[in-house]
N, C-alpha and C. Protein backbone atom coordinates (compact mmCIF):
# COMPACT_ATOMS: atom_id res chain seq x y z
N MET A 1 0.82 -1.18 0.00
CA MET A 1 0.00 0.00 0.00
C MET A 1 0.88 1.27 0.00
N LEU A 2 1.96 1.25 0.80
CA LEU A 2 2.86 2.40 0.86
C LEU A 2 3.57 2.63 -0.47
N THR A 3 4.00 1.54 -1.09
CA THR A 3 4.69 1.65 -2.37
C THR A 3 3.78 2.25 -3.42
N ARG A 4 2.53 1.82 -3.43
CA ARG A 4 1.56 2.35 -4.38
C ARG A 4 1.32 3.85 -4.13
N LYS A 5 1.18 4.23 -2.86
CA LYS A 5 0.96 5.63 -2.51
C LYS A 5 2.17 6.49 -2.88
N LEU A 6 3.37 5.96 -2.64
CA LEU A 6 4.59 6.68 -3.02
C LEU A 6 4.61 6.92 -4.52
N GLY A 7 4.28 5.89 -5.29
CA GLY A 7 4.22 6.04 -6.75
C GLY A 7 3.23 7.11 -7.17
N ASP A 8 2.07 7.13 -6.52
CA ASP A 8 1.06 8.15 -6.83
C ASP A 8 1.57 9.55 -6.52
N LEU A 9 2.24 9.70 -5.37
CA LEU A 9 2.76 11.01 -4.99
C LEU A 9 3.88 11.46 -5.92
N LEU A 10 4.75 10.56 -6.29
CA LEU A 10 5.84 10.91 -7.22
C LEU A 10 5.28 11.34 -8.57
N GLU A 11 4.24 10.64 -9.00
CA GLU A 11 3.60 11.01 -10.26
C GLU A 11 3.01 12.42 -10.19
N GLU A 12 2.48 12.75 -9.03
CA GLU A 12 1.89 14.08 -8.84
C GLU A 12 2.97 15.17 -8.80
N VAL A 13 4.11 14.87 -8.22
CA VAL A 13 5.19 15.85 -8.06
C VAL A 13 6.01 16.01 -9.34
N ARG A 14 6.09 14.96 -10.13
CA ARG A 14 6.99 14.93 -11.29
C ARG A 14 6.91 16.18 -12.18
N PRO A 15 5.73 16.67 -12.56
CA PRO A 15 5.70 17.84 -13.46
C PRO A 15 6.38 19.08 -12.87
N ASN A 16 6.49 19.14 -11.55
CA ASN A 16 7.06 20.31 -10.90
C ASN A 16 8.42 20.05 -10.27
N ALA A 17 8.99 18.89 -10.47
CA ALA A 17 10.23 18.50 -9.79
C ALA A 17 11.37 19.46 -10.10
N VAL A 18 11.55 19.81 -11.35
CA VAL A 18 12.65 20.70 -11.72
C VAL A 18 12.45 22.06 -11.06
N THR A 19 11.23 22.54 -11.06
CA THR A 19 10.93 23.83 -10.44
C THR A 19 11.23 23.80 -8.95
N PHE A 20 10.88 22.69 -8.29
CA PHE A 20 11.15 22.56 -6.85
C PHE A 20 12.64 22.64 -6.58
N VAL A 21 13.42 21.91 -7.36
CA VAL A 21 14.87 21.90 -7.15
C VAL A 21 15.46 23.27 -7.48
N ASP A 22 14.99 23.87 -8.56
CA ASP A 22 15.50 25.20 -8.94
C ASP A 22 15.17 26.25 -7.88
N ALA A 23 14.07 26.08 -7.18
CA ALA A 23 13.66 27.05 -6.16
C ALA A 23 14.68 27.14 -5.03
N PHE A 24 15.40 26.07 -4.77
CA PHE A 24 16.42 26.07 -3.72
C PHE A 24 17.75 26.62 -4.21
N GLU A 25 17.86 26.86 -5.52
CA GLU A 25 19.05 27.41 -6.15
C GLU A 25 20.32 26.63 -5.85
N PHE A 26 20.20 25.31 -5.83
CA PHE A 26 21.39 24.47 -5.69
C PHE A 26 22.19 24.55 -6.98
N HIS A 27 23.49 24.65 -6.86
CA HIS A 27 24.37 24.64 -8.03
C HIS A 27 24.48 23.19 -8.51
N ASP A 28 24.71 23.03 -9.81
CA ASP A 28 24.84 21.68 -10.38
C ASP A 28 25.89 20.85 -9.64
N ASN A 29 26.98 21.48 -9.22
CA ASN A 29 28.03 20.75 -8.50
C ASN A 29 27.54 20.22 -7.16
N GLN A 30 26.67 20.98 -6.49
CA GLN A 30 26.12 20.52 -5.21
C GLN A 30 25.22 19.31 -5.42
N LEU A 31 24.48 19.31 -6.50
CA LEU A 31 23.59 18.18 -6.78
C LEU A 31 24.37 16.97 -7.29
N ASP A 32 25.60 17.20 -7.72
CA ASP A 32 26.45 16.15 -8.30
C ASP A 32 25.70 15.39 -9.38
N SER A 33 25.09 16.14 -10.27
CA SER A 33 24.28 15.54 -11.32
C SER A 33 24.61 16.20 -12.65
N CYS A 34 24.64 15.38 -13.69
CA CYS A 34 24.84 15.91 -15.03
C CYS A 34 23.51 16.30 -15.66
N LEU A 35 22.42 15.82 -15.08
CA LEU A 35 21.09 16.10 -15.62
C LEU A 35 20.54 17.37 -15.01
N GLY A 36 19.65 18.02 -15.71
CA GLY A 36 19.02 19.23 -15.20
C GLY A 36 19.96 20.41 -15.17
N ARG A 37 20.90 20.43 -16.07
CA ARG A 37 21.91 21.50 -16.08
C ARG A 37 21.31 22.80 -16.59
N ASN A 38 21.76 23.89 -16.03
CA ASN A 38 21.29 25.21 -16.46
C ASN A 38 21.78 25.55 -17.86
N ASP A 39 22.95 25.03 -18.24
CA ASP A 39 23.51 25.38 -19.55
C ASP A 39 22.96 24.51 -20.68
N GLY A 40 22.18 23.48 -20.35
CA GLY A 40 21.57 22.62 -21.38
C GLY A 40 22.51 21.61 -21.99
N GLN A 41 23.72 21.52 -21.51
CA GLN A 41 24.72 20.61 -22.09
C GLN A 41 24.70 19.25 -21.39
N VAL A 42 23.54 18.62 -21.35
CA VAL A 42 23.36 17.37 -20.60
C VAL A 42 24.22 16.25 -21.17
N TYR A 43 24.12 16.02 -22.47
CA TYR A 43 24.83 14.88 -23.07
C TYR A 43 26.34 15.07 -23.03
N GLU A 44 26.79 16.27 -23.25
CA GLU A 44 28.22 16.53 -23.17
C GLU A 44 28.73 16.30 -21.75
N ALA A 45 27.94 16.72 -20.76
CA ALA A 45 28.33 16.54 -19.36
C ALA A 45 28.32 15.06 -18.98
N LEU A 46 27.33 14.31 -19.45
CA LEU A 46 27.29 12.87 -19.16
C LEU A 46 28.50 12.17 -19.77
N TYR A 47 28.85 12.53 -20.99
CA TYR A 47 30.00 11.92 -21.66
C TYR A 47 31.29 12.24 -20.91
N LYS A 48 31.46 13.50 -20.52
CA LYS A 48 32.65 13.91 -19.78
C LYS A 48 32.74 13.18 -18.44
N TYR A 49 31.61 13.07 -17.75
CA TYR A 49 31.57 12.37 -16.46
C TYR A 49 31.94 10.89 -16.64
N ALA A 50 31.39 10.26 -17.67
CA ALA A 50 31.69 8.84 -17.91
C ALA A 50 33.16 8.64 -18.23
N LYS A 51 33.74 9.54 -19.02
CA LYS A 51 35.16 9.43 -19.36
C LYS A 51 36.05 9.57 -18.13
N SER A 52 35.60 10.38 -17.15
CA SER A 52 36.43 10.61 -15.97
C SER A 52 36.28 9.52 -14.91
N SER A 53 35.32 8.65 -15.08
CA SER A 53 35.08 7.60 -14.10
C SER A 53 36.24 6.59 -14.08
N PRO A 54 36.71 6.21 -12.90
CA PRO A 54 37.77 5.22 -12.81
C PRO A 54 37.37 3.87 -13.44
N LEU A 55 36.08 3.58 -13.48
CA LEU A 55 35.63 2.33 -14.10
C LEU A 55 35.88 2.31 -15.60
N ASN A 56 36.05 3.48 -16.19
CA ASN A 56 36.28 3.57 -17.63
C ASN A 56 37.73 3.90 -17.96
N ALA A 57 38.63 3.67 -17.02
CA ALA A 57 40.05 3.97 -17.26
C ALA A 57 40.65 3.03 -18.30
N THR A 58 40.11 1.83 -18.42
CA THR A 58 40.59 0.86 -19.41
C THR A 58 39.41 0.36 -20.22
N ASP A 59 39.69 -0.22 -21.39
CA ASP A 59 38.61 -0.75 -22.22
C ASP A 59 37.90 -1.91 -21.54
N VAL A 60 38.67 -2.75 -20.86
CA VAL A 60 38.11 -3.89 -20.14
C VAL A 60 38.55 -3.78 -18.69
N HIS A 61 37.60 -3.77 -17.79
CA HIS A 61 37.90 -3.63 -16.36
C HIS A 61 38.68 -4.85 -15.87
N SER A 62 39.59 -4.64 -14.94
CA SER A 62 40.44 -5.72 -14.43
C SER A 62 39.63 -6.84 -13.79
N SER A 63 38.46 -6.54 -13.26
CA SER A 63 37.64 -7.59 -12.65
C SER A 63 37.20 -8.63 -13.68
N PHE A 64 37.08 -8.23 -14.94
CA PHE A 64 36.73 -9.20 -15.98
C PHE A 64 37.79 -10.28 -16.07
N HIS A 65 39.05 -9.86 -16.11
CA HIS A 65 40.14 -10.83 -16.22
C HIS A 65 40.29 -11.65 -14.94
N LYS A 66 40.03 -11.02 -13.81
CA LYS A 66 40.20 -11.70 -12.53
C LYS A 66 39.10 -12.73 -12.27
N TYR A 67 37.85 -12.38 -12.57
CA TYR A 67 36.74 -13.24 -12.19
C TYR A 67 36.07 -13.98 -13.35
N LEU A 68 35.89 -13.30 -14.47
CA LEU A 68 35.12 -13.91 -15.54
C LEU A 68 35.94 -14.77 -16.48
N THR A 69 37.19 -14.39 -16.73
CA THR A 69 38.02 -15.21 -17.60
C THR A 69 38.20 -16.62 -17.06
N PRO A 70 38.49 -16.80 -15.76
CA PRO A 70 38.59 -18.18 -15.25
C PRO A 70 37.28 -18.96 -15.40
N LEU A 71 36.17 -18.31 -15.21
CA LEU A 71 34.89 -19.00 -15.40
C LEU A 71 34.67 -19.39 -16.84
N LYS A 72 35.03 -18.48 -17.74
CA LYS A 72 34.90 -18.76 -19.17
C LYS A 72 35.79 -19.94 -19.57
N ASN A 73 37.01 -19.95 -19.07
CA ASN A 73 37.94 -21.04 -19.38
C ASN A 73 37.46 -22.36 -18.78
N GLN A 74 36.91 -22.29 -17.59
CA GLN A 74 36.38 -23.48 -16.94
C GLN A 74 35.21 -24.06 -17.74
N GLY A 75 34.36 -23.20 -18.26
CA GLY A 75 33.21 -23.63 -19.05
C GLY A 75 33.62 -24.29 -20.33
N SER A 76 34.73 -23.90 -20.94
CA SER A 76 35.16 -24.49 -22.19
C SER A 76 35.75 -25.89 -21.98
N LYS A 77 36.10 -26.21 -20.72
CA LYS A 77 36.67 -27.53 -20.42
C LYS A 77 35.59 -28.56 -20.18
N LEU A 78 34.34 -28.12 -20.00
CA LEU A 78 33.25 -29.05 -19.70
C LEU A 78 32.80 -29.81 -20.89
């Protein structure tokens, strides 16, 4: 019942969500969000953020080689 009510309330608030956040005049850096930017450069900001993420430092994350490669090799022996 609570989950359903929460969904109803979020649906009611959604059209005004940006206005509510803007009313507090939080800077984009405080929100730590690439979305809802004042300059409108959402996609450029998302791309820049993704490039700076440590998870994207290499093409293939080291955990793939550590955990998945042994499983893949084990499966080929079956």
